[in-house]
Amino acid sequence: MRARSYHHGDLRTALITAGLRAARSGGAAALGMRELTRAVGVTPNAAYRHFADRNALVRAVAAEAQELVARAMHERITGINPDASPAQAAVDRLRAVGLGYIHFARTERGWFELAFLTQEAGPVAAPPPYQLLVDALDGLVATGVLTPERRASAEWPCWSTVHGFADLATRGPLRHQDPRVVDAAAARVVDTVIRGLGVPPALLLRTPADGGSENA
């Protein structure tokens, strides 16, 4: 059944929406220009008025997938204890960023694969998930948990470790494990990264809002 609900002049949005729908189960491989234009009831030539080629369309859909990753991470952040001290809240926020990222990867594999598959060439704004990580690390400095020296470039070991675990959990050997085992392993990985930054052990106590980390 073809989707013809887009308004005149809004074909770009309709194609991106169709792309997200297709990528959710099929990842980037599902984003064929012919298939997506058929889904919204237009010819491929119509799509080229908005996208120079398939790669441009894939990048646009990937940008929307990044927003979905960030939204899931932010939802995890909103679950932290509102009565925590500023320092504890800053640590919990960083943990929520990591666990939210991993959870999204495990529950929305198609979107996650697409989100970081491609980037625009040249200087562009930081992907929203990366910006959440940067903000969380800066929050540790603002609350006195980390010194600026220990904060410097900390986003890279944090992101690479958590992303690597997410890859193991979605495409590697962990994808066959009991979800509770993966939950516990994810919590341990995230806490190990946080501990490695030099966060005091007293601030590493986990809360139920961490989602599954009670099993660690």
N, C-alpha and C. Protein backbone atom coordinates (compact mmCIF):
# COMPACT_ATOMS: atom_id res chain seq x y z
N MET A 1 0.85 -1.20 0.00
CA MET A 1 0.00 0.00 0.00
C MET A 1 0.88 1.25 0.00
N ARG A 2 0.65 2.15 -0.92
CA ARG A 2 1.47 3.34 -1.03
C ARG A 2 0.99 4.43 -0.08
N ALA A 3 1.97 5.11 0.52
CA ALA A 3 1.63 6.21 1.42
C ALA A 3 1.56 7.50 0.62
N ARG A 4 0.38 8.12 0.55
CA ARG A 4 0.20 9.33 -0.23
C ARG A 4 -0.25 10.49 0.66
N SER A 5 0.14 10.46 1.91
CA SER A 5 -0.37 11.45 2.86
C SER A 5 0.46 12.73 2.90
N TYR A 6 1.59 12.76 2.17
CA TYR A 6 2.41 13.97 2.25
C TYR A 6 1.73 15.11 1.50
N HIS A 7 2.03 16.34 1.91
CA HIS A 7 1.46 17.51 1.27
C HIS A 7 2.37 17.98 0.15
N HIS A 8 1.80 18.69 -0.77
CA HIS A 8 2.58 19.22 -1.88
C HIS A 8 3.75 20.05 -1.34
N GLY A 9 4.93 19.78 -1.84
CA GLY A 9 6.11 20.51 -1.38
C GLY A 9 6.77 19.88 -0.19
N ASP A 10 6.19 18.82 0.37
CA ASP A 10 6.77 18.18 1.55
C ASP A 10 7.25 16.77 1.22
N LEU A 11 7.61 16.56 -0.03
CA LEU A 11 8.07 15.23 -0.42
C LEU A 11 9.35 14.84 0.30
N ARG A 12 10.20 15.80 0.57
CA ARG A 12 11.45 15.50 1.28
C ARG A 12 11.17 14.83 2.62
N THR A 13 10.25 15.41 3.38
CA THR A 13 9.89 14.84 4.68
C THR A 13 9.27 13.46 4.53
N ALA A 14 8.42 13.31 3.51
CA ALA A 14 7.77 12.03 3.29
C ALA A 14 8.79 10.94 2.98
N LEU A 15 9.80 11.26 2.19
CA LEU A 15 10.83 10.28 1.85
C LEU A 15 11.67 9.91 3.07
N ILE A 16 11.98 10.89 3.90
CA ILE A 16 12.74 10.60 5.12
C ILE A 16 11.93 9.72 6.06
N THR A 17 10.64 10.02 6.18
CA THR A 17 9.77 9.21 7.04
C THR A 17 9.69 7.79 6.53
N ALA A 18 9.55 7.63 5.23
CA ALA A 18 9.51 6.30 4.63
C ALA A 18 10.85 5.59 4.84
N GLY A 19 11.92 6.37 4.76
CA GLY A 19 13.25 5.79 4.99
C GLY A 19 13.42 5.28 6.40
N LEU A 20 12.94 6.04 7.38
CA LEU A 20 13.02 5.59 8.77
C LEU A 20 12.21 4.31 8.97
N ARG A 21 11.05 4.26 8.35
CA ARG A 21 10.20 3.07 8.47
C ARG A 21 10.91 1.84 7.90
N ALA A 22 11.55 2.03 6.75
CA ALA A 22 12.24 0.91 6.12
C ALA A 22 13.50 0.51 6.89
N ALA A 23 14.24 1.51 7.37
CA ALA A 23 15.52 1.23 8.04
C ALA A 23 15.32 0.60 9.41
N ARG A 24 14.16 0.79 10.01
CA ARG A 24 13.95 0.25 11.35
C ARG A 24 14.15 -1.26 11.37
N SER A 25 13.73 -1.94 10.33
CA SER A 25 13.90 -3.38 10.28
C SER A 25 15.01 -3.82 9.34
N GLY A 26 15.34 -2.96 8.36
CA GLY A 26 16.31 -3.38 7.36
C GLY A 26 17.62 -2.64 7.35
N GLY A 27 17.78 -1.64 8.22
CA GLY A 27 19.02 -0.89 8.24
C GLY A 27 19.23 -0.10 6.96
N ALA A 28 20.47 0.30 6.72
CA ALA A 28 20.78 1.13 5.57
C ALA A 28 20.51 0.41 4.26
N ALA A 29 20.63 -0.90 4.25
CA ALA A 29 20.43 -1.67 3.01
C ALA A 29 19.01 -1.53 2.48
N ALA A 30 18.07 -1.16 3.34
CA ALA A 30 16.67 -1.05 2.93
C ALA A 30 16.35 0.28 2.27
N LEU A 31 17.33 1.17 2.20
CA LEU A 31 17.07 2.52 1.70
C LEU A 31 17.38 2.63 0.21
N GLY A 32 16.60 1.95 -0.59
CA GLY A 32 16.72 2.08 -2.04
C GLY A 32 15.85 3.22 -2.54
N MET A 33 16.39 4.03 -3.42
CA MET A 33 15.63 5.18 -3.91
C MET A 33 14.35 4.75 -4.60
N ARG A 34 14.42 3.72 -5.40
CA ARG A 34 13.23 3.27 -6.12
C ARG A 34 12.16 2.76 -5.15
N GLU A 35 12.59 2.01 -4.14
CA GLU A 35 11.63 1.46 -3.18
C GLU A 35 10.98 2.55 -2.36
N LEU A 36 11.76 3.54 -1.95
CA LEU A 36 11.21 4.61 -1.11
C LEU A 36 10.27 5.51 -1.89
N THR A 37 10.63 5.82 -3.13
CA THR A 37 9.72 6.65 -3.92
C THR A 37 8.43 5.91 -4.22
N ARG A 38 8.53 4.61 -4.45
CA ARG A 38 7.32 3.82 -4.66
C ARG A 38 6.44 3.85 -3.41
N ALA A 39 7.09 3.81 -2.22
CA ALA A 39 6.33 3.79 -0.97
C ALA A 39 5.51 5.06 -0.76
N VAL A 40 6.00 6.19 -1.28
CA VAL A 40 5.25 7.44 -1.10
C VAL A 40 4.46 7.82 -2.36
N GLY A 41 4.54 6.95 -3.39
CA GLY A 41 3.69 7.15 -4.56
C GLY A 41 4.19 8.15 -5.57
N VAL A 42 5.52 8.28 -5.70
CA VAL A 42 6.07 9.19 -6.72
C VAL A 42 7.13 8.44 -7.53
N THR A 43 7.61 9.06 -8.57
CA THR A 43 8.67 8.47 -9.38
C THR A 43 10.02 8.84 -8.80
N PRO A 44 11.06 8.06 -9.09
CA PRO A 44 12.41 8.41 -8.60
C PRO A 44 12.85 9.80 -9.03
N ASN A 45 12.44 10.24 -10.23
CA ASN A 45 12.84 11.58 -10.69
C ASN A 45 12.34 12.67 -9.75
N ALA A 46 11.18 12.46 -9.15
CA ALA A 46 10.65 13.46 -8.21
C ALA A 46 11.54 13.59 -7.00
N ALA A 47 12.12 12.48 -6.55
CA ALA A 47 12.98 12.52 -5.37
C ALA A 47 14.25 13.31 -5.62
N TYR A 48 14.73 13.30 -6.86
CA TYR A 48 15.99 13.99 -7.16
C TYR A 48 15.86 15.50 -7.12
N ARG A 49 14.65 16.00 -6.98
CA ARG A 49 14.48 17.44 -6.77
C ARG A 49 14.87 17.83 -5.35
N HIS A 50 14.90 16.84 -4.46
CA HIS A 50 15.21 17.10 -3.05
C HIS A 50 16.53 16.48 -2.61
N PHE A 51 16.96 15.42 -3.28
CA PHE A 51 18.20 14.73 -2.93
C PHE A 51 19.01 14.50 -4.19
N ALA A 52 20.26 14.88 -4.15
CA ALA A 52 21.12 14.76 -5.34
C ALA A 52 21.28 13.31 -5.77
N ASP A 53 21.33 12.40 -4.80
CA ASP A 53 21.49 10.98 -5.10
C ASP A 53 21.05 10.17 -3.88
N ARG A 54 21.19 8.86 -3.98
CA ARG A 54 20.79 8.00 -2.87
C ARG A 54 21.57 8.31 -1.61
N ASN A 55 22.87 8.59 -1.76
CA ASN A 55 23.69 8.87 -0.57
C ASN A 55 23.17 10.07 0.20
N ALA A 56 22.70 11.08 -0.52
CA ALA A 56 22.15 12.26 0.16
C ALA A 56 20.90 11.90 0.94
N LEU A 57 20.07 11.04 0.38
CA LEU A 57 18.87 10.59 1.09
C LEU A 57 19.25 9.76 2.31
N VAL A 58 20.23 8.87 2.17
CA VAL A 58 20.66 8.04 3.30
C VAL A 58 21.19 8.93 4.42
N ARG A 59 21.96 9.94 4.08
CA ARG A 59 22.50 10.83 5.11
C ARG A 59 21.37 11.56 5.84
N ALA A 60 20.36 11.97 5.11
CA ALA A 60 19.23 12.67 5.74
C ALA A 60 18.47 11.75 6.68
N VAL A 61 18.26 10.51 6.27
CA VAL A 61 17.57 9.55 7.15
C VAL A 61 18.45 9.22 8.34
N ALA A 62 19.76 9.10 8.12
CA ALA A 62 20.68 8.81 9.22
C ALA A 62 20.66 9.93 10.26
N ALA A 63 20.54 11.18 9.80
CA ALA A 63 20.47 12.30 10.74
C ALA A 63 19.25 12.19 11.63
N GLU A 64 18.12 11.75 11.05
CA GLU A 64 16.92 11.56 11.86
C GLU A 64 17.10 10.39 12.83
N ALA A 65 17.80 9.35 12.40
CA ALA A 65 18.06 8.22 13.29
C ALA A 65 18.93 8.66 14.46
N GLN A 66 19.88 9.55 14.22
CA GLN A 66 20.70 10.07 15.31
C GLN A 66 19.84 10.81 16.33
N GLU A 67 18.86 11.55 15.84
CA GLU A 67 17.95 12.25 16.75
C GLU A 67 17.18 11.25 17.61
N LEU A 68 16.80 10.12 17.03
CA LEU A 68 16.09 9.10 17.79
C LEU A 68 16.98 8.49 18.86
N VAL A 69 18.25 8.27 18.54
CA VAL A 69 19.20 7.77 19.55
C VAL A 69 19.28 8.76 20.70
N ALA A 70 19.46 10.03 20.37
CA ALA A 70 19.58 11.06 21.40
C ALA A 70 18.33 11.16 22.26
N ARG A 71 17.16 11.01 21.63
CA ARG A 71 15.91 11.08 22.38
C ARG A 71 15.83 9.94 23.40
N ALA A 72 16.24 8.75 22.99
CA ALA A 72 16.23 7.61 23.91
C ALA A 72 17.20 7.83 25.06
N MET A 73 18.36 8.39 24.75
CA MET A 73 19.34 8.67 25.80
C MET A 73 18.79 9.72 26.77
N HIS A 74 18.14 10.73 26.22
CA HIS A 74 17.59 11.78 27.08
C HIS A 74 16.48 11.24 27.97
N GLU A 75 15.69 10.33 27.46
CA GLU A 75 14.64 9.72 28.28
C GLU A 75 15.25 8.98 29.47
N ARG A 76 16.38 8.32 29.24
CA ARG A 76 17.07 7.65 30.34
C ARG A 76 17.59 8.67 31.36
N ILE A 77 18.05 9.79 30.87
CA ILE A 77 18.55 10.85 31.75
C ILE A 77 17.44 11.37 32.66
N THR A 78 16.23 11.51 32.12
CA THR A 78 15.13 12.06 32.91
C THR A 78 14.73 11.12 34.05
N GLY A 79 15.21 9.89 34.02
CA GLY A 79 14.86 8.94 35.07
C GLY A 79 15.79 8.95 36.26
N ILE A 80 16.82 9.79 36.26
CA ILE A 80 17.74 9.78 37.40
C ILE A 80 17.08 10.46 38.60
N ASN A 81 17.60 10.18 39.76
CA ASN A 81 17.03 10.66 41.01
C ASN A 81 17.07 12.19 41.08
N PRO A 82 15.91 12.86 41.14
CA PRO A 82 15.92 14.33 41.18
C PRO A 82 16.44 14.88 42.50
N ASP A 83 16.52 14.04 43.52
CA ASP A 83 16.98 14.51 44.83
C ASP A 83 18.47 14.25 45.06
N ALA A 84 19.14 13.73 44.05
CA ALA A 84 20.58 13.46 44.19
C ALA A 84 21.36 14.76 44.29
N SER A 85 22.50 14.68 44.93
CA SER A 85 23.38 15.85 45.00
C SER A 85 23.85 16.20 43.59
N PRO A 86 24.29 17.44 43.37
CA PRO A 86 24.76 17.81 42.04
C PRO A 86 25.85 16.89 41.50
N ALA A 87 26.77 16.49 42.37
CA ALA A 87 27.86 15.61 41.93
C ALA A 87 27.31 14.24 41.55
N GLN A 88 26.42 13.69 42.40
CA GLN A 88 25.85 12.39 42.10
C GLN A 88 25.00 12.44 40.84
N ALA A 89 24.23 13.51 40.68
CA ALA A 89 23.39 13.66 39.50
C ALA A 89 24.24 13.72 38.23
N ALA A 90 25.40 14.37 38.32
CA ALA A 90 26.29 14.46 37.16
C ALA A 90 26.82 13.09 36.77
N VAL A 91 27.19 12.29 37.75
CA VAL A 91 27.67 10.93 37.47
C VAL A 91 26.53 10.07 36.92
N ASP A 92 25.36 10.18 37.53
CA ASP A 92 24.21 9.40 37.06
C ASP A 92 23.82 9.79 35.64
N ARG A 93 23.99 11.05 35.32
CA ARG A 93 23.67 11.51 33.96
C ARG A 93 24.61 10.85 32.95
N LEU A 94 25.90 10.81 33.27
CA LEU A 94 26.85 10.18 32.36
C LEU A 94 26.54 8.69 32.21
N ARG A 95 26.19 8.04 33.31
CA ARG A 95 25.83 6.62 33.24
C ARG A 95 24.58 6.42 32.38
N ALA A 96 23.60 7.31 32.54
CA ALA A 96 22.37 7.20 31.76
C ALA A 96 22.65 7.39 30.27
N VAL A 97 23.58 8.27 29.95
CA VAL A 97 23.96 8.47 28.55
C VAL A 97 24.50 7.17 27.96
N GLY A 98 25.41 6.52 28.68
CA GLY A 98 25.99 5.28 28.19
C GLY A 98 24.99 4.15 28.09
N LEU A 99 24.20 3.96 29.15
CA LEU A 99 23.23 2.87 29.15
C LEU A 99 22.09 3.12 28.16
N GLY A 100 21.70 4.37 28.00
CA GLY A 100 20.67 4.69 27.02
C GLY A 100 21.13 4.40 25.60
N TYR A 101 22.39 4.69 25.33
CA TYR A 101 22.97 4.42 24.01
C TYR A 101 22.97 2.92 23.72
N ILE A 102 23.41 2.14 24.70
CA ILE A 102 23.46 0.68 24.52
C ILE A 102 22.06 0.11 24.38
N HIS A 103 21.13 0.58 25.19
CA HIS A 103 19.77 0.07 25.14
C HIS A 103 19.14 0.33 23.77
N PHE A 104 19.36 1.53 23.24
CA PHE A 104 18.81 1.84 21.93
C PHE A 104 19.40 0.91 20.87
N ALA A 105 20.71 0.68 20.94
CA ALA A 105 21.35 -0.20 19.97
C ALA A 105 20.73 -1.58 19.99
N ARG A 106 20.42 -2.07 21.19
CA ARG A 106 19.88 -3.43 21.32
C ARG A 106 18.41 -3.53 20.91
N THR A 107 17.65 -2.46 21.06
CA THR A 107 16.22 -2.52 20.79
C THR A 107 15.84 -1.99 19.41
N GLU A 108 16.71 -1.17 18.82
CA GLU A 108 16.44 -0.60 17.50
C GLU A 108 17.67 -0.76 16.61
N ARG A 109 17.96 -2.00 16.28
CA ARG A 109 19.21 -2.31 15.59
C ARG A 109 19.31 -1.65 14.22
N GLY A 110 18.21 -1.63 13.49
CA GLY A 110 18.25 -1.04 12.17
C GLY A 110 18.56 0.44 12.22
N TRP A 111 17.87 1.16 13.09
CA TRP A 111 18.13 2.59 13.23
C TRP A 111 19.52 2.86 13.76
N PHE A 112 19.98 2.05 14.71
CA PHE A 112 21.30 2.27 15.28
C PHE A 112 22.39 2.07 14.23
N GLU A 113 22.24 1.01 13.43
CA GLU A 113 23.22 0.76 12.36
C GLU A 113 23.29 1.96 11.42
N LEU A 114 22.13 2.48 11.07
CA LEU A 114 22.08 3.59 10.13
C LEU A 114 22.62 4.88 10.73
N ALA A 115 22.35 5.12 12.02
CA ALA A 115 22.64 6.41 12.64
C ALA A 115 24.10 6.82 12.50
N PHE A 116 25.01 5.87 12.59
CA PHE A 116 26.43 6.21 12.56
C PHE A 116 27.15 5.62 11.36
N LEU A 117 26.36 5.22 10.36
CA LEU A 117 26.95 4.63 9.17
C LEU A 117 27.65 5.68 8.33
N THR A 118 27.07 6.85 8.26
CA THR A 118 27.61 7.86 7.35
C THR A 118 27.55 9.23 8.00
N GLN A 119 28.49 10.07 7.64
CA GLN A 119 28.54 11.44 8.13
C GLN A 119 28.71 12.37 6.94
N GLU A 120 28.23 13.58 7.09
CA GLU A 120 28.44 14.57 6.04
C GLU A 120 29.93 14.88 5.92
N ALA A 121 30.37 15.17 4.71
CA ALA A 121 31.75 15.58 4.52
C ALA A 121 31.94 17.02 4.98
N GLY A 122 33.10 17.31 5.52
CA GLY A 122 33.40 18.66 5.95
C GLY A 122 32.89 18.93 7.36
N PRO A 123 33.12 20.15 7.87
CA PRO A 123 32.70 20.49 9.23
C PRO A 123 31.19 20.57 9.36
N VAL A 124 30.65 19.80 10.29
CA VAL A 124 29.21 19.80 10.54
C VAL A 124 28.99 19.80 12.04
N ALA A 125 27.76 20.04 12.44
CA ALA A 125 27.44 20.02 13.86
C ALA A 125 27.63 18.62 14.42
N ALA A 126 27.98 18.55 15.68
CA ALA A 126 28.19 17.25 16.33
C ALA A 126 26.89 16.47 16.35
N PRO A 127 26.94 15.15 16.13
CA PRO A 127 25.71 14.34 16.23
C PRO A 127 25.09 14.51 17.61
N PRO A 128 23.77 14.57 17.70
CA PRO A 128 23.11 14.78 19.00
C PRO A 128 23.54 13.79 20.09
N PRO A 129 23.71 12.48 19.80
CA PRO A 129 24.16 11.58 20.88
C PRO A 129 25.54 11.96 21.41
N TYR A 130 26.42 12.34 20.51
CA TYR A 130 27.76 12.77 20.93
C TYR A 130 27.68 14.03 21.78
N GLN A 131 26.80 14.96 21.40
CA GLN A 131 26.67 16.20 22.17
C GLN A 131 26.16 15.92 23.58
N LEU A 132 25.27 14.94 23.74
CA LEU A 132 24.80 14.57 25.08
C LEU A 132 25.96 14.04 25.93
N LEU A 133 26.84 13.26 25.31
CA LEU A 133 28.01 12.76 26.02
C LEU A 133 28.92 13.90 26.44
N VAL A 134 29.19 14.82 25.53
CA VAL A 134 30.04 15.97 25.84
C VAL A 134 29.44 16.78 26.99
N ASP A 135 28.15 17.02 26.93
CA ASP A 135 27.48 17.80 27.99
C ASP A 135 27.57 17.09 29.33
N ALA A 136 27.41 15.76 29.32
CA ALA A 136 27.49 15.01 30.57
C ALA A 136 28.89 15.08 31.16
N LEU A 137 29.90 14.98 30.34
CA LEU A 137 31.29 15.08 30.83
C LEU A 137 31.58 16.48 31.34
N ASP A 138 31.09 17.48 30.64
CA ASP A 138 31.28 18.85 31.11
C ASP A 138 30.59 19.06 32.45
N GLY A 139 29.47 18.36 32.65
CA GLY A 139 28.76 18.46 33.93
C GLY A 139 29.59 17.92 35.09
N LEU A 140 30.43 16.93 34.83
CA LEU A 140 31.31 16.41 35.87
C LEU A 140 32.32 17.46 36.30
N VAL A 141 32.78 18.24 35.34
CA VAL A 141 33.72 19.32 35.68
C VAL A 141 33.00 20.43 36.44
N ALA A 142 31.81 20.79 35.97
CA ALA A 142 31.05 21.88 36.59
C ALA A 142 30.70 21.58 38.04
N THR A 143 30.54 20.30 38.39
CA THR A 143 30.20 19.93 39.77
C THR A 143 31.42 19.53 40.59
N GLY A 144 32.60 19.66 40.01
CA GLY A 144 33.82 19.36 40.74
C GLY A 144 34.18 17.90 40.82
N VAL A 145 33.49 17.04 40.08
CA VAL A 145 33.79 15.62 40.11
C VAL A 145 35.08 15.32 39.35
N LEU A 146 35.29 16.02 38.25
CA LEU A 146 36.51 15.86 37.45
C LEU A 146 37.23 17.19 37.33
N THR A 147 38.53 17.11 37.23
CA THR A 147 39.32 18.30 36.92
C THR A 147 39.29 18.50 35.41
N PRO A 148 39.51 19.72 34.95
CA PRO A 148 39.56 19.95 33.50
C PRO A 148 40.61 19.09 32.81
N GLU A 149 41.70 18.80 33.51
CA GLU A 149 42.76 17.98 32.92
C GLU A 149 42.28 16.56 32.65
N ARG A 150 41.54 15.98 33.58
CA ARG A 150 41.03 14.62 33.39
C ARG A 150 39.85 14.61 32.41
N ARG A 151 39.19 15.71 32.28
CA ARG A 151 38.07 15.80 31.33
C ARG A 151 38.56 15.86 29.88
N ALA A 152 39.72 16.37 29.64
CA ALA A 152 40.20 16.63 28.28
C ALA A 152 40.12 15.38 27.40
N SER A 153 39.38 15.48 26.32
CA SER A 153 39.23 14.41 25.32
C SER A 153 38.65 13.12 25.88
N ALA A 154 37.99 13.19 27.03
CA ALA A 154 37.44 11.97 27.66
C ALA A 154 36.29 11.39 26.84
N GLU A 155 35.69 12.18 25.95
CA GLU A 155 34.57 11.65 25.17
C GLU A 155 34.99 10.49 24.27
N TRP A 156 36.24 10.48 23.87
CA TRP A 156 36.66 9.44 22.92
C TRP A 156 36.78 8.05 23.56
N PRO A 157 37.46 7.90 24.69
CA PRO A 157 37.44 6.57 25.32
C PRO A 157 36.03 6.16 25.76
N CYS A 158 35.24 7.14 26.21
CA CYS A 158 33.86 6.82 26.63
C CYS A 158 33.05 6.30 25.44
N TRP A 159 33.05 7.05 24.36
CA TRP A 159 32.23 6.69 23.21
C TRP A 159 32.71 5.40 22.56
N SER A 160 34.03 5.28 22.38
CA SER A 160 34.54 4.09 21.69
C SER A 160 34.26 2.82 22.49
N THR A 161 34.37 2.89 23.81
CA THR A 161 34.11 1.71 24.64
C THR A 161 32.64 1.32 24.61
N VAL A 162 31.77 2.29 24.80
CA VAL A 162 30.34 2.00 24.83
C VAL A 162 29.85 1.57 23.44
N HIS A 163 30.34 2.22 22.41
CA HIS A 163 29.94 1.84 21.05
C HIS A 163 30.43 0.43 20.72
N GLY A 164 31.65 0.12 21.15
CA GLY A 164 32.17 -1.22 20.93
C GLY A 164 31.33 -2.28 21.62
N PHE A 165 30.91 -2.00 22.85
CA PHE A 165 30.05 -2.94 23.56
C PHE A 165 28.71 -3.08 22.83
N ALA A 166 28.15 -1.95 22.39
CA ALA A 166 26.87 -2.00 21.66
C ALA A 166 27.00 -2.86 20.41
N ASP A 167 28.14 -2.76 19.74
CA ASP A 167 28.36 -3.57 18.55
C ASP A 167 28.43 -5.06 18.90
N LEU A 168 29.11 -5.38 20.00
CA LEU A 168 29.16 -6.78 20.45
C LEU A 168 27.78 -7.30 20.82
N ALA A 169 26.96 -6.42 21.38
CA ALA A 169 25.63 -6.83 21.84
C ALA A 169 24.63 -6.96 20.69
N THR A 170 24.91 -6.32 19.56
CA THR A 170 23.96 -6.37 18.46
C THR A 170 24.43 -7.23 17.29
N ARG A 171 25.74 -7.28 17.08
CA ARG A 171 26.25 -8.05 15.94
C ARG A 171 27.28 -9.10 16.32
N GLY A 172 27.75 -9.05 17.57
CA GLY A 172 28.78 -9.97 18.03
C GLY A 172 28.22 -11.08 18.90
N PRO A 173 29.10 -11.76 19.63
CA PRO A 173 28.67 -12.94 20.41
C PRO A 173 27.68 -12.64 21.51
N LEU A 174 27.64 -11.41 22.00
CA LEU A 174 26.70 -11.09 23.08
C LEU A 174 25.25 -11.08 22.62
N ARG A 175 25.02 -11.03 21.31
CA ARG A 175 23.63 -10.96 20.85
C ARG A 175 22.87 -12.25 21.15
N HIS A 176 23.58 -13.32 21.45
CA HIS A 176 22.94 -14.60 21.76
C HIS A 176 22.77 -14.83 23.26
N GLN A 177 23.26 -13.92 24.07
CA GLN A 177 23.21 -14.09 25.52
C GLN A 177 21.84 -13.71 26.07
N ASP A 178 21.56 -14.23 27.26
CA ASP A 178 20.34 -13.84 27.98
C ASP A 178 20.37 -12.32 28.18
N PRO A 179 19.25 -11.63 27.90
CA PRO A 179 19.23 -10.17 28.06
C PRO A 179 19.66 -9.69 29.43
N ARG A 180 19.38 -10.47 30.47
CA ARG A 180 19.79 -10.06 31.82
C ARG A 180 21.30 -10.09 31.96
N VAL A 181 21.94 -11.03 31.29
CA VAL A 181 23.40 -11.09 31.30
C VAL A 181 23.98 -9.87 30.59
N VAL A 182 23.36 -9.51 29.48
CA VAL A 182 23.84 -8.35 28.73
C VAL A 182 23.60 -7.07 29.52
N ASP A 183 22.45 -6.97 30.20
CA ASP A 183 22.17 -5.81 31.05
C ASP A 183 23.29 -5.63 32.08
N ALA A 184 23.63 -6.72 32.75
CA ALA A 184 24.66 -6.65 33.79
C ALA A 184 26.01 -6.29 33.20
N ALA A 185 26.33 -6.87 32.04
CA ALA A 185 27.61 -6.57 31.40
C ALA A 185 27.66 -5.11 30.96
N ALA A 186 26.54 -4.60 30.44
CA ALA A 186 26.49 -3.20 30.01
C ALA A 186 26.74 -2.27 31.19
N ALA A 187 26.10 -2.56 32.31
CA ALA A 187 26.29 -1.73 33.50
C ALA A 187 27.74 -1.76 33.96
N ARG A 188 28.34 -2.93 33.90
CA ARG A 188 29.74 -3.04 34.34
C ARG A 188 30.67 -2.27 33.40
N VAL A 189 30.42 -2.36 32.10
CA VAL A 189 31.24 -1.63 31.13
C VAL A 189 31.14 -0.13 31.36
N VAL A 190 29.92 0.36 31.50
CA VAL A 190 29.73 1.80 31.69
C VAL A 190 30.38 2.27 32.98
N ASP A 191 30.20 1.51 34.06
CA ASP A 191 30.81 1.91 35.33
C ASP A 191 32.34 1.83 35.28
N THR A 192 32.86 0.87 34.53
CA THR A 192 34.31 0.77 34.39
C THR A 192 34.87 2.00 33.68
N VAL A 193 34.16 2.46 32.65
CA VAL A 193 34.59 3.67 31.95
C VAL A 193 34.54 4.88 32.89
N ILE A 194 33.45 5.00 33.62
CA ILE A 194 33.32 6.14 34.54
C ILE A 194 34.40 6.10 35.62
N ARG A 195 34.66 4.92 36.14
CA ARG A 195 35.70 4.77 37.15
C ARG A 195 37.07 5.16 36.58
N GLY A 196 37.28 4.78 35.34
CA GLY A 196 38.56 5.10 34.71
C GLY A 196 38.79 6.59 34.52
N LEU A 197 37.73 7.37 34.53
CA LEU A 197 37.88 8.82 34.43
C LEU A 197 38.41 9.43 35.71
N GLY A 198 38.32 8.66 36.81
CA GLY A 198 38.76 9.17 38.10
C GLY A 198 37.63 9.61 38.99
N VAL A 199 36.42 9.15 38.69
CA VAL A 199 35.26 9.49 39.53
C VAL A 199 35.40 8.77 40.87
N PRO A 200 35.17 9.47 41.98
CA PRO A 200 35.28 8.83 43.30
C PRO A 200 34.35 7.63 43.43
N PRO A 201 34.80 6.53 44.03
CA PRO A 201 33.98 5.32 44.16
C PRO A 201 32.64 5.57 44.83
N ALA A 202 32.59 6.51 45.78
CA ALA A 202 31.34 6.76 46.50
C ALA A 202 30.23 7.25 45.56
N LEU A 203 30.60 7.78 44.40
CA LEU A 203 29.60 8.29 43.46
C LEU A 203 29.19 7.26 42.42
N LEU A 204 29.71 6.05 42.56
CA LEU A 204 29.42 5.02 41.58
C LEU A 204 28.29 4.09 42.00
N LEU A 205 27.59 4.44 43.07
CA LEU A 205 26.44 3.64 43.48
C LEU A 205 25.36 3.80 42.44
N ARG A 206 24.76 2.69 42.01
CA ARG A 206 23.74 2.73 40.97
C ARG A 206 22.34 2.80 41.55
N THR A 207 21.43 3.29 40.73
CA THR A 207 20.03 3.42 41.14
C THR A 207 19.16 2.61 40.20
N PRO A 208 17.92 2.30 40.58
CA PRO A 208 17.02 1.55 39.69
C PRO A 208 16.82 2.20 38.34
N ALA A 209 16.96 3.54 38.27
CA ALA A 209 16.77 4.24 36.99
C ALA A 209 17.82 3.88 35.96
N ASP A 210 18.90 3.23 36.41
CA ASP A 210 19.94 2.84 35.47
C ASP A 210 19.48 1.75 34.53
N GLY A 211 18.39 1.08 34.86
CA GLY A 211 17.81 0.12 33.95
C GLY A 211 18.59 -1.15 33.80
N GLY A 212 18.35 -2.12 34.69
CA GLY A 212 18.98 -3.41 34.57
C GLY A 212 20.32 -3.49 35.27
N SER A 213 20.88 -2.38 35.74
CA SER A 213 22.20 -2.42 36.34
C SER A 213 22.21 -3.02 37.72
N GLU A 214 21.01 -3.24 38.30
CA GLU A 214 20.98 -3.85 39.63
C GLU A 214 21.52 -5.27 39.58
N ASN A 215 21.57 -5.86 38.37
CA ASN A 215 22.05 -7.23 38.25
C ASN A 215 23.56 -7.33 38.22
N ALA A 216 24.23 -6.17 38.14
CA ALA A 216 25.69 -6.20 38.02
C ALA A 216 26.32 -6.65 39.31
